[in-house]
Amino acid sequence: MEIDSDSLKIAQITFAYENAALINILTKRGKIIGQEKWDKLTDINKEISDKLQDDVFMNDMQTPVSVFVTFETEEGHTRGTVYNDYPQADFLGQELDL
């Protein structure tokens, strides 16, 4: 079956990353600053610095875990989901699911 790709216009692509650990540390840092607990700021800054020096952490944090695609039209979305019925190339070792 041949798929007509004329209506598969994409409006936006957004990648999601495995960065919750860093966001949590930065949130904790923000609370420390907001509460003016300056004596704890050095420790949290060191924790952030240590994480950013960790190659495994940085690689994990920079690897997309999800991709969100917004099509320009409902028809484009409908046509795009037809691709789920056909074998596809992997994206970062995972099968795509539209």
C-alpha atoms as a PDB file:
ATOM      1  CA  MET A   1       0.000   0.000   0.000  1.00  0.00           C
ATOM      2  CA  GLU A   2       1.397   3.391  -0.934  1.00  0.00           C
ATOM      3  CA  ILE A   3       0.844   6.243   1.499  1.00  0.00           C
ATOM      4  CA  ASP A   4       0.136   9.739   0.186  1.00  0.00           C
ATOM      5  CA  SER A   5       2.493  11.993   2.122  1.00  0.00           C
ATOM      6  CA  ASP A   6       1.152  15.259   0.673  1.00  0.00           C
ATOM      7  CA  SER A   7      -0.788  16.034   3.864  1.00  0.00           C
ATOM      8  CA  LEU A   8       1.920  14.997   6.294  1.00  0.00           C
ATOM      9  CA  LYS A   9       3.047  18.521   7.105  1.00  0.00           C
ATOM     10  CA  ILE A  10       4.585  18.865  10.526  1.00  0.00           C
ATOM     11  CA  ALA A  11       4.075  22.038  12.537  1.00  0.00           C
ATOM     12  CA  GLN A  12       6.396  21.273  15.442  1.00  0.00           C
ATOM     13  CA  ILE A  13       8.700  18.610  16.835  1.00  0.00           C
ATOM     14  CA  THR A  14       9.560  18.564  20.549  1.00  0.00           C
ATOM     15  CA  PHE A  15      12.031  16.198  22.186  1.00  0.00           C
ATOM     16  CA  ALA A  16      11.706  15.079  25.816  1.00  0.00           C
ATOM     17  CA  TYR A  17      14.852  14.157  27.734  1.00  0.00           C
ATOM     18  CA  GLU A  18      15.716  12.118  30.815  1.00  0.00           C
ATOM     19  CA  ASN A  19      16.547  15.219  32.859  1.00  0.00           C
ATOM     20  CA  ALA A  20      14.255  14.892  35.878  1.00  0.00           C
ATOM     21  CA  ALA A  21      17.194  14.305  38.254  1.00  0.00           C
ATOM     22  CA  LEU A  22      18.830  17.598  37.284  1.00  0.00           C
ATOM     23  CA  ILE A  23      15.534  19.477  37.419  1.00  0.00           C
ATOM     24  CA  ASN A  24      14.932  18.115  40.933  1.00  0.00           C
ATOM     25  CA  ILE A  25      18.366  19.270  42.105  1.00  0.00           C
ATOM     26  CA  LEU A  26      17.837  22.719  40.551  1.00  0.00           C
ATOM     27  CA  THR A  27      14.416  22.950  42.211  1.00  0.00           C
ATOM     28  CA  LYS A  28      16.027  22.082  45.545  1.00  0.00           C
ATOM     29  CA  ARG A  29      18.661  24.776  44.890  1.00  0.00           C
ATOM     30  CA  GLY A  30      15.928  27.311  44.132  1.00  0.00           C
ATOM     31  CA  LYS A  31      14.200  26.556  47.430  1.00  0.00           C
ATOM     32  CA  ILE A  32      17.475  26.939  49.317  1.00  0.00           C
ATOM     33  CA  ILE A  33      18.032  30.331  47.687  1.00  0.00           C
ATOM     34  CA  GLY A  34      14.410  31.359  48.294  1.00  0.00           C
ATOM     35  CA  GLN A  35      14.750  30.477  51.975  1.00  0.00           C
ATOM     36  CA  GLU A  36      18.107  32.294  52.094  1.00  0.00           C
ATOM     37  CA  LYS A  37      19.877  29.242  53.508  1.00  0.00           C
ATOM     38  CA  TRP A  38      23.222  30.384  52.145  1.00  0.00           C
ATOM     39  CA  ASP A  39      25.169  27.856  54.243  1.00  0.00           C
ATOM     40  CA  LYS A  40      23.572  24.999  52.229  1.00  0.00           C
ATOM     41  CA  LEU A  41      24.147  26.609  48.829  1.00  0.00           C
ATOM     42  CA  THR A  42      27.766  25.419  48.531  1.00  0.00           C
ATOM     43  CA  ASP A  43      26.731  21.793  49.083  1.00  0.00           C
ATOM     44  CA  ILE A  44      23.953  21.885  46.487  1.00  0.00           C
ATOM     45  CA  ASN A  45      26.225  23.649  43.977  1.00  0.00           C
ATOM     46  CA  LYS A  46      28.804  20.874  44.462  1.00  0.00           C
ATOM     47  CA  GLU A  47      26.093  18.248  43.933  1.00  0.00           C
ATOM     48  CA  ILE A  48      25.126  19.919  40.643  1.00  0.00           C
ATOM     49  CA  SER A  49      28.756  20.223  39.569  1.00  0.00           C
ATOM     50  CA  ASP A  50      29.417  16.551  40.354  1.00  0.00           C
ATOM     51  CA  LYS A  51      26.386  15.465  38.310  1.00  0.00           C
ATOM     52  CA  LEU A  52      27.505  17.571  35.348  1.00  0.00           C
ATOM     53  CA  GLN A  53      30.955  15.921  35.466  1.00  0.00           C
ATOM     54  CA  ASP A  54      29.443  12.417  35.342  1.00  0.00           C
ATOM     55  CA  ASP A  55      29.654  11.194  31.722  1.00  0.00           C
ATOM     56  CA  VAL A  56      26.936   8.548  32.158  1.00  0.00           C
ATOM     57  CA  PHE A  57      24.563  11.088  33.693  1.00  0.00           C
ATOM     58  CA  MET A  58      25.254  13.611  30.919  1.00  0.00           C
ATOM     59  CA  ASN A  59      24.789  11.035  28.144  1.00  0.00           C
ATOM     60  CA  ASP A  60      21.523   9.837  29.650  1.00  0.00           C
ATOM     61  CA  MET A  61      20.300  13.387  30.120  1.00  0.00           C
ATOM     62  CA  GLN A  62      21.059  14.349  26.511  1.00  0.00           C
ATOM     63  CA  THR A  63      19.434  11.325  24.898  1.00  0.00           C
ATOM     64  CA  PRO A  64      15.822  11.902  23.824  1.00  0.00           C
ATOM     65  CA  VAL A  65      13.347   9.518  25.432  1.00  0.00           C
ATOM     66  CA  SER A  66      10.258  10.762  23.590  1.00  0.00           C
ATOM     67  CA  VAL A  67       9.464  12.846  20.555  1.00  0.00           C
ATOM     68  CA  PHE A  68       6.233  14.792  20.285  1.00  0.00           C
ATOM     69  CA  VAL A  69       5.172  15.672  16.751  1.00  0.00           C
ATOM     70  CA  THR A  70       2.406  18.164  16.010  1.00  0.00           C
ATOM     71  CA  PHE A  71       0.915  17.886  12.543  1.00  0.00           C
ATOM     72  CA  GLU A  72      -0.512  20.937  10.794  1.00  0.00           C
ATOM     73  CA  THR A  73      -3.843  19.216  10.147  1.00  0.00           C
ATOM     74  CA  GLU A  74      -6.019  16.461  11.558  1.00  0.00           C
ATOM     75  CA  GLU A  75      -5.742  14.751   8.188  1.00  0.00           C
ATOM     76  CA  GLY A  76      -1.949  14.782   8.471  1.00  0.00           C
ATOM     77  CA  HIS A  77      -2.189  13.145  11.889  1.00  0.00           C
ATOM     78  CA  THR A  78      -4.573  10.502  10.568  1.00  0.00           C
ATOM     79  CA  ARG A  79      -2.340   9.732   7.612  1.00  0.00           C
ATOM     80  CA  GLY A  80       0.738   9.656   9.836  1.00  0.00           C
ATOM     81  CA  THR A  81      -0.719   7.054  12.170  1.00  0.00           C
ATOM     82  CA  VAL A  82      -1.135   4.708   9.186  1.00  0.00           C
ATOM     83  CA  TYR A  83       2.649   4.265   9.386  1.00  0.00           C
ATOM     84  CA  ASN A  84       2.138   2.243  12.589  1.00  0.00           C
ATOM     85  CA  ASP A  85       0.832  -0.613  10.417  1.00  0.00           C
ATOM     86  CA  TYR A  86       4.147  -0.938   8.538  1.00  0.00           C
ATOM     87  CA  PRO A  87       7.647  -1.979   9.623  1.00  0.00           C
ATOM     88  CA  GLN A  88       9.754   1.047  10.418  1.00  0.00           C
ATOM     89  CA  ALA A  89      13.324   1.935  11.092  1.00  0.00           C
ATOM     90  CA  ASP A  90      14.223   2.282  14.748  1.00  0.00           C
ATOM     91  CA  PHE A  91      14.809   5.662  16.325  1.00  0.00           C
ATOM     92  CA  LEU A  92      17.529   5.443  18.988  1.00  0.00           C
ATOM     93  CA  GLY A  93      16.898   1.710  19.222  1.00  0.00           C
ATOM     94  CA  GLN A  94      13.153   2.036  19.753  1.00  0.00           C
ATOM     95  CA  GLU A  95      10.288   1.373  17.381  1.00  0.00           C
ATOM     96  CA  LEU A  96       8.356   4.495  16.501  1.00  0.00           C
ATOM     97  CA  ASP A  97       4.702   4.706  17.475  1.00  0.00           C
ATOM     98  CA  LEU A  98       2.719   7.571  15.981  1.00  0.00           C
END
